[in-house]
PDB file of N, CA and C in Angstrom:
ATOM      1  N   UNK A   1     130.745 103.559  94.695  1.00  0.00           N
ATOM      2  CA  UNK A   1     129.596 103.135  93.924  1.00  0.00           C
ATOM      3  C   UNK A   1     128.735 104.351  93.594  1.00  0.00           C
ATOM      4  N   UNK A   2     128.389 104.505  92.353  1.00  0.00           N
ATOM      5  CA  UNK A   2     127.594 105.649  91.903  1.00  0.00           C
ATOM      6  C   UNK A   2     126.149 105.500  92.360  1.00  0.00           C
ATOM      7  N   UNK A   3     125.577 106.615  92.744  1.00  0.00           N
ATOM      8  CA  UNK A   3     124.184 106.619  93.160  1.00  0.00           C
ATOM      9  C   UNK A   3     123.288 106.552  91.932  1.00  0.00           C
ATOM     10  N   UNK A   4     122.278 105.681  91.988  1.00  0.00           N
ATOM     11  CA  UNK A   4     121.355 105.543  90.861  1.00  0.00           C
ATOM     12  C   UNK A   4     120.439 106.749  90.772  1.00  0.00           C
ATOM     13  N   UNK A   5     120.142 107.140  89.554  1.00  0.00           N
ATOM     14  CA  UNK A   5     119.180 108.221  89.341  1.00  0.00           C
ATOM     15  C   UNK A   5     117.795 107.718  89.734  1.00  0.00           C
ATOM     16  N   UNK A   6     116.985 108.559  90.354  1.00  0.00           N
ATOM     17  CA  UNK A   6     115.643 108.118  90.741  1.00  0.00           C
ATOM     18  C   UNK A   6     114.775 107.844  89.515  1.00  0.00           C
ATOM     19  N   UNK A   7     113.882 106.897  89.687  1.00  0.00           N
ATOM     20  CA  UNK A   7     112.924 106.602  88.628  1.00  0.00           C
ATOM     21  C   UNK A   7     111.880 107.703  88.592  1.00  0.00           C
ATOM     22  N   UNK A   8     111.471 108.053  87.394  1.00  0.00           N
ATOM     23  CA  UNK A   8     110.386 109.001  87.218  1.00  0.00           C
ATOM     24  C   UNK A   8     109.288 108.337  86.397  1.00  0.00           C
ATOM     25  N   UNK A   9     108.068 108.661  86.738  1.00  0.00           N
ATOM     26  CA  UNK A   9     106.914 108.154  86.018  1.00  0.00           C
ATOM     27  C   UNK A   9     106.297 109.317  85.264  1.00  0.00           C
ATOM     28  N   UNK A  10     106.193 109.181  83.952  1.00  0.00           N
ATOM     29  CA  UNK A  10     105.597 110.212  83.108  1.00  0.00           C
ATOM     30  C   UNK A  10     104.140 109.826  82.878  1.00  0.00           C
ATOM     31  N   UNK A  11     103.240 110.545  83.536  1.00  0.00           N
ATOM     32  CA  UNK A  11     101.808 110.310  83.392  1.00  0.00           C
ATOM     33  C   UNK A  11     101.327 111.241  82.289  1.00  0.00           C
ATOM     34  N   UNK A  12     100.912 110.631  81.208  1.00  0.00           N
ATOM     35  CA  UNK A  12     100.541 111.402  80.030  1.00  0.00           C
ATOM     36  C   UNK A  12      99.047 111.696  79.997  1.00  0.00           C
ATOM     37  N   UNK A  13      98.693 112.835  79.460  1.00  0.00           N
ATOM     38  CA  UNK A  13      97.298 113.269  79.383  1.00  0.00           C
ATOM     39  C   UNK A  13      96.554 112.647  78.229  1.00  0.00           C
ATOM     40  N   UNK A  14      96.731 111.357  78.067  1.00  0.00           N
ATOM     41  CA  UNK A  14      96.030 110.610  77.030  1.00  0.00           C
ATOM     42  C   UNK A  14      95.689 109.236  77.602  1.00  0.00           C
ATOM     43  N   UNK A  15      94.492 108.759  77.291  1.00  0.00           N
ATOM     44  CA  UNK A  15      94.091 107.445  77.786  1.00  0.00           C
ATOM     45  C   UNK A  15      94.713 106.358  76.922  1.00  0.00           C
ATOM     46  N   UNK A  16      94.684 105.154  77.424  1.00  0.00           N
ATOM     47  CA  UNK A  16      95.243 104.022  76.677  1.00  0.00           C
ATOM     48  C   UNK A  16      94.504 103.778  75.370  1.00  0.00           C
ATOM     49  N   UNK A  17      93.272 104.274  75.271  1.00  0.00           N
ATOM     50  CA  UNK A  17      92.521 104.152  74.018  1.00  0.00           C
ATOM     51  C   UNK A  17      92.800 105.317  73.066  1.00  0.00           C
ATOM     52  N   UNK A  18      93.665 106.277  73.484  1.00  0.00           N
ATOM     53  CA  UNK A  18      94.076 107.360  72.605  1.00  0.00           C
ATOM     54  C   UNK A  18      93.315 108.666  72.743  1.00  0.00           C
ATOM     55  N   UNK A  19      92.400 108.758  73.698  1.00  0.00           N
ATOM     56  CA  UNK A  19      91.631 109.994  73.878  1.00  0.00           C
ATOM     57  C   UNK A  19      92.388 110.969  74.778  1.00  0.00           C
ATOM     58  N   UNK A  20      92.339 112.248  74.421  1.00  0.00           N
ATOM     59  CA  UNK A  20      92.953 113.292  75.245  1.00  0.00           C
ATOM     60  C   UNK A  20      92.166 113.396  76.538  1.00  0.00           C
ATOM     61  N   UNK A  21      92.884 113.429  77.665  1.00  0.00           N
ATOM     62  CA  UNK A  21      92.241 113.481  78.981  1.00  0.00           C
ATOM     63  C   UNK A  21      91.782 114.905  79.274  1.00  0.00           C
ATOM     64  N   UNK A  22      90.615 115.024  79.832  1.00  0.00           N
ATOM     65  CA  UNK A  22      90.026 116.302  80.212  1.00  0.00           C
ATOM     66  C   UNK A  22      89.736 116.307  81.697  1.00  0.00           C
ATOM     67  N   UNK A  23      89.724 117.437  82.362  1.00  0.00           N
ATOM     68  CA  UNK A  23      89.789 118.799  81.833  1.00  0.00           C
ATOM     69  C   UNK A  23      91.202 119.154  81.391  1.00  0.00           C
ATOM     70  N   UNK A  24      91.305 120.219  80.646  1.00  0.00           N
ATOM     71  CA  UNK A  24      92.591 120.584  80.055  1.00  0.00           C
ATOM     72  C   UNK A  24      93.632 120.995  81.096  1.00  0.00           C
ATOM     73  N   UNK A  25      93.218 121.359  82.298  1.00  0.00           N
ATOM     74  CA  UNK A  25      94.168 121.756  83.339  1.00  0.00           C
ATOM     75  C   UNK A  25      94.398 120.652  84.377  1.00  0.00           C
ATOM     76  N   UNK A  26      94.129 119.400  84.010  1.00  0.00           N
ATOM     77  CA  UNK A  26      94.242 118.286  84.948  1.00  0.00           C
ATOM     78  C   UNK A  26      95.643 118.188  85.558  1.00  0.00           C
ATOM     79  N   UNK A  27      96.687 118.426  84.766  1.00  0.00           N
ATOM     80  CA  UNK A  27      98.050 118.255  85.273  1.00  0.00           C
ATOM     81  C   UNK A  27      98.385 119.309  86.335  1.00  0.00           C
ATOM     82  N   UNK A  28      97.947 120.531  86.135  1.00  0.00           N
ATOM     83  CA  UNK A  28      98.178 121.584  87.120  1.00  0.00           C
ATOM     84  C   UNK A  28      97.383 121.317  88.391  1.00  0.00           C
ATOM     85  N   UNK A  29      96.163 120.830  88.244  1.00  0.00           N
ATOM     86  CA  UNK A  29      95.331 120.518  89.411  1.00  0.00           C
ATOM     87  C   UNK A  29      95.961 119.403  90.246  1.00  0.00           C
ATOM     88  N   UNK A  30      96.376 118.333  89.574  1.00  0.00           N
ATOM     89  CA  UNK A  30      96.971 117.196  90.285  1.00  0.00           C
ATOM     90  C   UNK A  30      98.267 117.625  90.972  1.00  0.00           C
ATOM     91  N   UNK A  31      99.122 118.347  90.270  1.00  0.00           N
ATOM     92  CA  UNK A  31     100.371 118.814  90.867  1.00  0.00           C
ATOM     93  C   UNK A  31     100.098 119.797  92.006  1.00  0.00           C
ATOM     94  N   UNK A  32      99.059 120.597  91.883  1.00  0.00           N
ATOM     95  CA  UNK A  32      98.704 121.536  92.944  1.00  0.00           C
ATOM     96  C   UNK A  32      98.291 120.829  94.219  1.00  0.00           C
ATOM     97  N   UNK A  33      97.513 119.771  94.085  1.00  0.00           N
ATOM     98  CA  UNK A  33      97.092 118.990  95.245  1.00  0.00           C
ATOM     99  C   UNK A  33      98.304 118.380  95.953  1.00  0.00           C
ATOM    100  N   UNK A  34      99.319 118.013  95.181  1.00  0.00           N
ATOM    101  CA  UNK A  34     100.499 117.347  95.722  1.00  0.00           C
ATOM    102  C   UNK A  34     101.610 118.326  96.108  1.00  0.00           C
ATOM    103  N   UNK A  35     101.353 119.622  96.053  1.00  0.00           N
ATOM    104  CA  UNK A  35     102.392 120.631  96.264  1.00  0.00           C
ATOM    105  C   UNK A  35     103.016 120.593  97.659  1.00  0.00           C
ATOM    106  N   UNK A  36     102.325 120.036  98.633  1.00  0.00           N
ATOM    107  CA  UNK A  36     102.853 120.032  99.999  1.00  0.00           C
ATOM    108  C   UNK A  36     103.788 118.864 100.285  1.00  0.00           C
ATOM    109  N   UNK A  37     104.024 117.994  99.308  1.00  0.00           N
ATOM    110  CA  UNK A  37     104.859 116.821  99.519  1.00  0.00           C
ATOM    111  C   UNK A  37     106.183 116.964  98.783  1.00  0.00           C
ATOM    112  N   UNK A  38     107.261 116.785  99.502  1.00  0.00           N
ATOM    113  CA  UNK A  38     108.582 116.823  98.881  1.00  0.00           C
ATOM    114  C   UNK A  38     109.503 117.803  99.571  1.00  0.00           C
ATOM    115  N   UNK A  39     110.767 117.808  99.173  1.00  0.00           N
ATOM    116  CA  UNK A  39     111.731 118.703  99.819  1.00  0.00           C
ATOM    117  C   UNK A  39     111.420 120.160  99.520  1.00  0.00           C
ATOM    118  N   UNK A  40     111.541 120.981 100.559  1.00  0.00           N
ATOM    119  CA  UNK A  40     111.319 122.413 100.389  1.00  0.00           C
ATOM    120  C   UNK A  40     109.868 122.821 100.306  1.00  0.00           C
ATOM    121  N   UNK A  41     108.942 121.872 100.534  1.00  0.00           N
ATOM    122  CA  UNK A  41     107.516 122.195 100.444  1.00  0.00           C
ATOM    123  C   UNK A  41     107.135 123.151 101.563  1.00  0.00           C
ATOM    124  N   UNK A  42     106.371 124.141 101.207  1.00  0.00           N
ATOM    125  CA  UNK A  42     105.899 125.122 102.183  1.00  0.00           C
ATOM    126  C   UNK A  42     104.564 124.649 102.739  1.00  0.00           C
ATOM    127  N   UNK A  43     104.364 124.852 104.039  1.00  0.00           N
ATOM    128  CA  UNK A  43     103.135 124.416 104.670  1.00  0.00           C
ATOM    129  C   UNK A  43     102.538 125.557 105.478  1.00  0.00           C
ATOM    130  N   UNK A  44     101.258 125.451 105.737  1.00  0.00           N
ATOM    131  CA  UNK A  44     100.588 126.448 106.552  1.00  0.00           C
ATOM    132  C   UNK A  44      99.668 127.321 105.728  1.00  0.00           C
ATOM    133  N   UNK A  45      98.818 128.092 106.403  1.00  0.00           N
ATOM    134  CA  UNK A  45      97.810 128.887 105.695  1.00  0.00           C
ATOM    135  C   UNK A  45      98.392 130.001 104.837  1.00  0.00           C
ATOM    136  N   UNK A  46      99.579 130.499 105.148  1.00  0.00           N
ATOM    137  CA  UNK A  46     100.158 131.593 104.380  1.00  0.00           C
ATOM    138  C   UNK A  46     101.281 131.142 103.445  1.00  0.00           C
ATOM    139  N   UNK A  47     101.405 129.854 103.246  1.00  0.00           N
ATOM    140  CA  UNK A  47     102.468 129.341 102.382  1.00  0.00           C
ATOM    141  C   UNK A  47     102.181 129.714 100.932  1.00  0.00           C
ATOM    142  N   UNK A  48     103.205 130.177 100.262  1.00  0.00           N
ATOM    143  CA  UNK A  48     103.082 130.484  98.840  1.00  0.00           C
ATOM    144  C   UNK A  48     103.058 129.173  98.069  1.00  0.00           C
ATOM    145  N   UNK A  49     102.080 129.014  97.207  1.00  0.00           N
ATOM    146  CA  UNK A  49     101.963 127.749  96.493  1.00  0.00           C
ATOM    147  C   UNK A  49     103.019 127.624  95.406  1.00  0.00           C
ATOM    148  N   UNK A  50     103.674 126.483  95.431  1.00  0.00           N
ATOM    149  CA  UNK A  50     104.597 126.124  94.365  1.00  0.00           C
ATOM    150  C   UNK A  50     104.504 124.619  94.203  1.00  0.00           C
ATOM    151  N   UNK A  51     104.812 124.137  93.023  1.00  0.00           N
ATOM    152  CA  UNK A  51     104.729 122.707  92.779  1.00  0.00           C
ATOM    153  C   UNK A  51     105.848 121.976  93.509  1.00  0.00           C
ATOM    154  N   UNK A  52     105.561 120.759  93.911  1.00  0.00           N
ATOM    155  CA  UNK A  52     106.556 119.897  94.531  1.00  0.00           C
ATOM    156  C   UNK A  52     107.611 119.515  93.504  1.00  0.00           C
ATOM    157  N   UNK A  53     108.827 119.317  93.958  1.00  0.00           N
ATOM    158  CA  UNK A  53     109.874 118.826  93.066  1.00  0.00           C
ATOM    159  C   UNK A  53     109.585 117.385  92.647  1.00  0.00           C
ATOM    160  N   UNK A  54     108.722 116.706  93.384  1.00  0.00           N
ATOM    161  CA  UNK A  54     108.434 115.296  93.135  1.00  0.00           C
ATOM    162  C   UNK A  54     107.178 115.054  92.306  1.00  0.00           C
ATOM    163  N   UNK A  55     106.343 116.060  92.143  1.00  0.00           N
ATOM    164  CA  UNK A  55     105.132 115.935  91.307  1.00  0.00           C
ATOM    165  C   UNK A  55     104.987 117.259  90.569  1.00  0.00           C
ATOM    166  N   UNK A  56     105.335 117.240  89.298  1.00  0.00           N
ATOM    167  CA  UNK A  56     105.337 118.512  88.572  1.00  0.00           C
ATOM    168  C   UNK A  56     104.700 118.368  87.195  1.00  0.00           C
ATOM    169  N   UNK A  57     103.919 119.370  86.821  1.00  0.00           N
ATOM    170  CA  UNK A  57     103.291 119.339  85.499  1.00  0.00           C
ATOM    171  C   UNK A  57     104.287 119.774  84.435  1.00  0.00           C
ATOM    172  N   UNK A  58     104.093 119.280  83.241  1.00  0.00           N
ATOM    173  CA  UNK A  58     104.922 119.680  82.113  1.00  0.00           C
ATOM    174  C   UNK A  58     104.157 119.416  80.829  1.00  0.00           C
ATOM    175  N   UNK A  59     104.701 119.855  79.728  1.00  0.00           N
ATOM    176  CA  UNK A  59     104.123 119.579  78.416  1.00  0.00           C
ATOM    177  C   UNK A  59     105.205 118.916  77.577  1.00  0.00           C
ATOM    178  N   UNK A  60     104.914 117.750  77.035  1.00  0.00           N
ATOM    179  CA  UNK A  60     105.829 117.020  76.162  1.00  0.00           C
ATOM    180  C   UNK A  60     105.135 116.770  74.841  1.00  0.00           C
ATOM    181  N   UNK A  61     105.698 117.294  73.771  1.00  0.00           N
ATOM    182  CA  UNK A  61     105.105 117.143  72.436  1.00  0.00           C
ATOM    183  C   UNK A  61     103.641 117.579  72.414  1.00  0.00           C
ATOM    184  N   UNK A  62     103.352 118.740  72.972  1.00  0.00           N
ATOM    185  CA  UNK A  62     102.001 119.318  73.040  1.00  0.00           C
ATOM    186  C   UNK A  62     101.021 118.469  73.829  1.00  0.00           C
ATOM    187  N   UNK A  63     101.516 117.618  74.717  1.00  0.00           N
ATOM    188  CA  UNK A  63     100.670 116.758  75.533  1.00  0.00           C
ATOM    189  C   UNK A  63     100.933 117.054  77.000  1.00  0.00           C
ATOM    190  N   UNK A  64      99.869 117.379  77.739  1.00  0.00           N
ATOM    191  CA  UNK A  64     100.014 117.648  79.169  1.00  0.00           C
ATOM    192  C   UNK A  64     100.436 116.362  79.874  1.00  0.00           C
ATOM    193  N   UNK A  65     101.388 116.491  80.786  1.00  0.00           N
ATOM    194  CA  UNK A  65     101.912 115.350  81.536  1.00  0.00           C
ATOM    195  C   UNK A  65     102.188 115.777  82.967  1.00  0.00           C
ATOM    196  N   UNK A  66     102.306 114.788  83.837  1.00  0.00           N
ATOM    197  CA  UNK A  66     102.791 114.989  85.191  1.00  0.00           C
ATOM    198  C   UNK A  66     103.976 114.061  85.367  1.00  0.00           C
ATOM    199  N   UNK A  67     105.063 114.598  85.890  1.00  0.00           N
ATOM    200  CA  UNK A  67     106.233 113.787  86.184  1.00  0.00           C
ATOM    201  C   UNK A  67     106.222 113.493  87.675  1.00  0.00           C
ATOM    202  N   UNK A  68     106.181 112.210  88.000  1.00  0.00           N
ATOM    203  CA  UNK A  68     106.140 111.748  89.382  1.00  0.00           C
ATOM    204  C   UNK A  68     107.485 111.111  89.715  1.00  0.00           C
ATOM    205  N   UNK A  69     108.165 111.654  90.696  1.00  0.00           N
ATOM    206  CA  UNK A  69     109.472 111.159  91.114  1.00  0.00           C
ATOM    207  C   UNK A  69     109.270 110.029  92.137  1.00  0.00           C
ATOM    208  N   UNK A  70     109.986 108.926  91.941  1.00  0.00           N
ATOM    209  CA  UNK A  70     109.829 107.768  92.828  1.00  0.00           C
ATOM    210  C   UNK A  70     110.254 108.063  94.265  1.00  0.00           C
ATOM    211  N   UNK A  71     111.037 109.110  94.489  1.00  0.00           N
ATOM    212  CA  UNK A  71     111.450 109.446  95.856  1.00  0.00           C
ATOM    213  C   UNK A  71     110.269 109.854  96.732  1.00  0.00           C
ATOM    214  N   UNK A  72     109.152 110.239  96.112  1.00  0.00           N
ATOM    215  CA  UNK A  72     107.953 110.557  96.887  1.00  0.00           C
ATOM    216  C   UNK A  72     107.485 109.331  97.663  1.00  0.00           C
ATOM    217  N   UNK A  73     107.646 108.157  97.074  1.00  0.00           N
ATOM    218  CA  UNK A  73     107.251 106.907  97.737  1.00  0.00           C
ATOM    219  C   UNK A  73     107.981 106.738  99.072  1.00  0.00           C
ATOM    220  N   UNK A  74     109.238 107.176  99.129  1.00  0.00           N
ATOM    221  CA  UNK A  74     110.036 107.033 100.350  1.00  0.00           C
ATOM    222  C   UNK A  74     109.576 107.961 101.468  1.00  0.00           C
ATOM    223  N   UNK A  75     109.154 109.167 101.116  1.00  0.00           N
ATOM    224  CA  UNK A  75     108.780 110.120 102.160  1.00  0.00           C
ATOM    225  C   UNK A  75     107.287 110.129 102.467  1.00  0.00           C
ATOM    226  N   UNK A  76     106.457 109.771 101.495  1.00  0.00           N
ATOM    227  CA  UNK A  76     104.999 109.761 101.699  1.00  0.00           C
ATOM    228  C   UNK A  76     104.356 108.755 100.760  1.00  0.00           C
ATOM    229  N   UNK A  77     104.361 107.465 101.157  1.00  0.00           N
ATOM    230  CA  UNK A  77     103.833 106.412 100.286  1.00  0.00           C
ATOM    231  C   UNK A  77     102.371 106.621  99.870  1.00  0.00           C
ATOM    232  N   UNK A  78     101.560 107.164 100.766  1.00  0.00           N
ATOM    233  CA  UNK A  78     100.146 107.360 100.423  1.00  0.00           C
ATOM    234  C   UNK A  78      99.983 108.416  99.329  1.00  0.00           C
ATOM    235  N   UNK A  79     100.809 109.443  99.348  1.00  0.00           N
ATOM    236  CA  UNK A  79     100.753 110.475  98.308  1.00  0.00           C
ATOM    237  C   UNK A  79     101.190 109.883  96.965  1.00  0.00           C
ATOM    238  N   UNK A  80     102.245 109.085  96.982  1.00  0.00           N
ATOM    239  CA  UNK A  80     102.710 108.422  95.763  1.00  0.00           C
ATOM    240  C   UNK A  80     101.598 107.528  95.200  1.00  0.00           C
ATOM    241  N   UNK A  81     100.984 106.722  96.067  1.00  0.00           N
ATOM    242  CA  UNK A  81      99.900 105.841  95.631  1.00  0.00           C
ATOM    243  C   UNK A  81      98.710 106.627  95.095  1.00  0.00           C
ATOM    244  N   UNK A  82      98.425 107.785  95.698  1.00  0.00           N
ATOM    245  CA  UNK A  82      97.321 108.618  95.236  1.00  0.00           C
ATOM    246  C   UNK A  82      97.523 109.012  93.774  1.00  0.00           C
ATOM    247  N   UNK A  83      98.731 109.453  93.439  1.00  0.00           N
ATOM    248  CA  UNK A  83      99.013 109.895  92.066  1.00  0.00           C
ATOM    249  C   UNK A  83      98.959 108.710  91.101  1.00  0.00           C
ATOM    250  N   UNK A  84      99.565 107.595  91.489  1.00  0.00           N
ATOM    251  CA  UNK A  84      99.561 106.419  90.612  1.00  0.00           C
ATOM    252  C   UNK A  84      98.140 105.873  90.429  1.00  0.00           C
ATOM    253  N   UNK A  85      97.340 105.898  91.490  1.00  0.00           N
ATOM    254  CA  UNK A  85      95.953 105.433  91.379  1.00  0.00           C
ATOM    255  C   UNK A  85      95.108 106.390  90.539  1.00  0.00           C
ATOM    256  N   UNK A  86      95.412 107.676  90.593  1.00  0.00           N
ATOM    257  CA  UNK A  86      94.734 108.648  89.723  1.00  0.00           C
ATOM    258  C   UNK A  86      94.947 108.253  88.268  1.00  0.00           C
ATOM    259  N   UNK A  87      96.195 107.951  87.921  1.00  0.00           N
ATOM    260  CA  UNK A  87      96.512 107.557  86.540  1.00  0.00           C
ATOM    261  C   UNK A  87      95.802 106.255  86.177  1.00  0.00           C
ATOM    262  N   UNK A  88      95.821 105.302  87.081  1.00  0.00           N
ATOM    263  CA  UNK A  88      95.188 103.998  86.823  1.00  0.00           C
ATOM    264  C   UNK A  88      93.674 104.152  86.679  1.00  0.00           C
ATOM    265  N   UNK A  89      93.051 104.876  87.603  1.00  0.00           N
ATOM    266  CA  UNK A  89      91.598 105.058  87.588  1.00  0.00           C
ATOM    267  C   UNK A  89      91.107 105.764  86.327  1.00  0.00           C
ATOM    268  N   UNK A  90      91.954 106.627  85.769  1.00  0.00           N
ATOM    269  CA  UNK A  90      91.576 107.380  84.571  1.00  0.00           C
ATOM    270  C   UNK A  90      92.150 106.776  83.294  1.00  0.00           C
ATOM    271  N   UNK A  91      92.743 105.591  83.415  1.00  0.00           N
ATOM    272  CA  UNK A  91      93.270 104.831  82.276  1.00  0.00           C
ATOM    273  C   UNK A  91      94.306 105.629  81.484  1.00  0.00           C
ATOM    274  N   UNK A  92      95.147 106.396  82.213  1.00  0.00           N
ATOM    275  CA  UNK A  92      96.154 107.222  81.556  1.00  0.00           C
ATOM    276  C   UNK A  92      97.409 106.413  81.260  1.00  0.00           C
ATOM    277  N   UNK A  93      98.097 106.800  80.204  1.00  0.00           N
ATOM    278  CA  UNK A  93      99.354 106.156  79.827  1.00  0.00           C
ATOM    279  C   UNK A  93     100.439 106.609  80.805  1.00  0.00           C
ATOM    280  N   UNK A  94     101.152 105.645  81.383  1.00  0.00           N
ATOM    281  CA  UNK A  94     102.239 105.924  82.317  1.00  0.00           C
ATOM    282  C   UNK A  94     103.501 105.260  81.779  1.00  0.00           C
ATOM    283  N   UNK A  95     104.560 106.043  81.680  1.00  0.00           N
ATOM    284  CA  UNK A  95     105.842 105.531  81.209  1.00  0.00           C
ATOM    285  C   UNK A  95     106.867 105.714  82.311  1.00  0.00           C
ATOM    286  N   UNK A  96     107.582 104.652  82.627  1.00  0.00           N
ATOM    287  CA  UNK A  96     108.615 104.713  83.651  1.00  0.00           C
ATOM    288  C   UNK A  96     109.962 104.977  82.990  1.00  0.00           C
ATOM    289  N   UNK A  97     110.729 105.897  83.561  1.00  0.00           N
ATOM    290  CA  UNK A  97     112.038 106.247  83.000  1.00  0.00           C
ATOM    291  C   UNK A  97     112.929 106.739  84.128  1.00  0.00           C
ATOM    292  N   UNK A  98     114.161 107.026  83.800  1.00  0.00           N
ATOM    293  CA  UNK A  98     115.048 107.650  84.773  1.00  0.00           C
ATOM    294  C   UNK A  98     115.870 108.712  84.054  1.00  0.00           C
ATOM    295  N   UNK A  99     116.239 109.714  84.800  1.00  0.00           N
ATOM    296  CA  UNK A  99     117.041 110.789  84.245  1.00  0.00           C
ATOM    297  C   UNK A  99     118.479 110.310  84.116  1.00  0.00           C
ATOM    298  N   UNK A 100     119.079 110.571  82.978  1.00  0.00           N
ATOM    299  CA  UNK A 100     120.467 110.181  82.772  1.00  0.00           C
ATOM    300  C   UNK A 100     121.387 111.221  83.402  1.00  0.00           C
ATOM    301  N   UNK A 101     122.419 110.770  84.104  1.00  0.00           N
ATOM    302  CA  UNK A 101     123.351 111.724  84.703  1.00  0.00           C
ATOM    303  C   UNK A 101     124.124 112.477  83.615  1.00  0.00           C
ATOM    304  N   UNK A 102     124.617 113.675  83.924  1.00  0.00           N
ATOM    305  CA  UNK A 102     125.303 114.498  82.917  1.00  0.00           C
ATOM    306  C   UNK A 102     126.509 113.812  82.280  1.00  0.00           C
ATOM    307  N   UNK A 103     127.179 112.933  82.992  1.00  0.00           N
ATOM    308  CA  UNK A 103     128.369 112.283  82.456  1.00  0.00           C
ATOM    309  C   UNK A 103     128.049 111.033  81.631  1.00  0.00           C
ATOM    310  N   UNK A 104     126.773 110.702  81.464  1.00  0.00           N
ATOM    311  CA  UNK A 104     126.372 109.516  80.702  1.00  0.00           C
ATOM    312  C   UNK A 104     126.734 109.705  79.227  1.00  0.00           C
ATOM    313  N   UNK A 105     127.104 108.641  78.556  1.00  0.00           N
ATOM    314  CA  UNK A 105     127.564 108.693  77.165  1.00  0.00           C
ATOM    315  C   UNK A 105     126.626 109.407  76.214  1.00  0.00           C
ATOM    316  N   UNK A 106     125.308 109.183  76.351  1.00  0.00           N
ATOM    317  CA  UNK A 106     124.373 109.836  75.433  1.00  0.00           C
ATOM    318  C   UNK A 106     124.322 111.337  75.678  1.00  0.00           C
ATOM    319  N   UNK A 107     124.468 111.746  76.937  1.00  0.00           N
ATOM    320  CA  UNK A 107     124.458 113.184  77.239  1.00  0.00           C
ATOM    321  C   UNK A 107     125.696 113.858  76.651  1.00  0.00           C
ATOM    322  N   UNK A 108     126.845 113.208  76.750  1.00  0.00           N
ATOM    323  CA  UNK A 108     128.081 113.754  76.209  1.00  0.00           C
ATOM    324  C   UNK A 108     127.979 113.863  74.686  1.00  0.00           C
ATOM    325  N   UNK A 109     127.418 112.825  74.046  1.00  0.00           N
ATOM    326  CA  UNK A 109     127.273 112.837  72.588  1.00  0.00           C
ATOM    327  C   UNK A 109     126.336 113.956  72.145  1.00  0.00           C
ATOM    328  N   UNK A 110     125.279 114.199  72.905  1.00  0.00           N
ATOM    329  CA  UNK A 110     124.339 115.264  72.542  1.00  0.00           C
ATOM    330  C   UNK A 110     125.014 116.629  72.625  1.00  0.00           C
ATOM    331  N   UNK A 111     125.812 116.843  73.661  1.00  0.00           N
ATOM    332  CA  UNK A 111     126.488 118.122  73.808  1.00  0.00           C
ATOM    333  C   UNK A 111     127.537 118.342  72.729  1.00  0.00           C
ATOM    334  N   UNK A 112     128.128 117.247  72.275  1.00  0.00           N
ATOM    335  CA  UNK A 112     129.154 117.353  71.239  1.00  0.00           C
ATOM    336  C   UNK A 112     128.547 117.524  69.849  1.00  0.00           C
ATOM    337  N   UNK A 113     127.210 117.425  69.774  1.00  0.00           N
ATOM    338  CA  UNK A 113     126.523 117.592  68.498  1.00  0.00           C
ATOM    339  C   UNK A 113     126.548 116.364  67.632  1.00  0.00           C
ATOM    340  N   UNK A 114     126.738 115.220  68.221  1.00  0.00           N
ATOM    341  CA  UNK A 114     126.783 113.964  67.464  1.00  0.00           C
ATOM    342  C   UNK A 114     125.432 113.322  67.392  1.00  0.00           C
TER     343      UNK A 114
END
């Protein structure tokens, strides 16, 4: 049985009413706060800061976003809830999706140039 791809939540830097969310560095700040959660996270006073694999900032179509991996819920439910509540409290658009595996038909078609 094939393992299902984890669900990802795309938290977009725009409110449901269409306003761009401020401050402009909100995605980096949120991901920075969550940097200690996830596999390979460094801890301690001398840890070099890097974003968690489970909460990472990105830009999609010139819009700041945070990608939240559902696996965070399994290892730290309160951290997962913190991020989701941040989006809810700020009325941000959240889209749920999953990453398609490389062997998926659409991925093969894209590589073939179809």
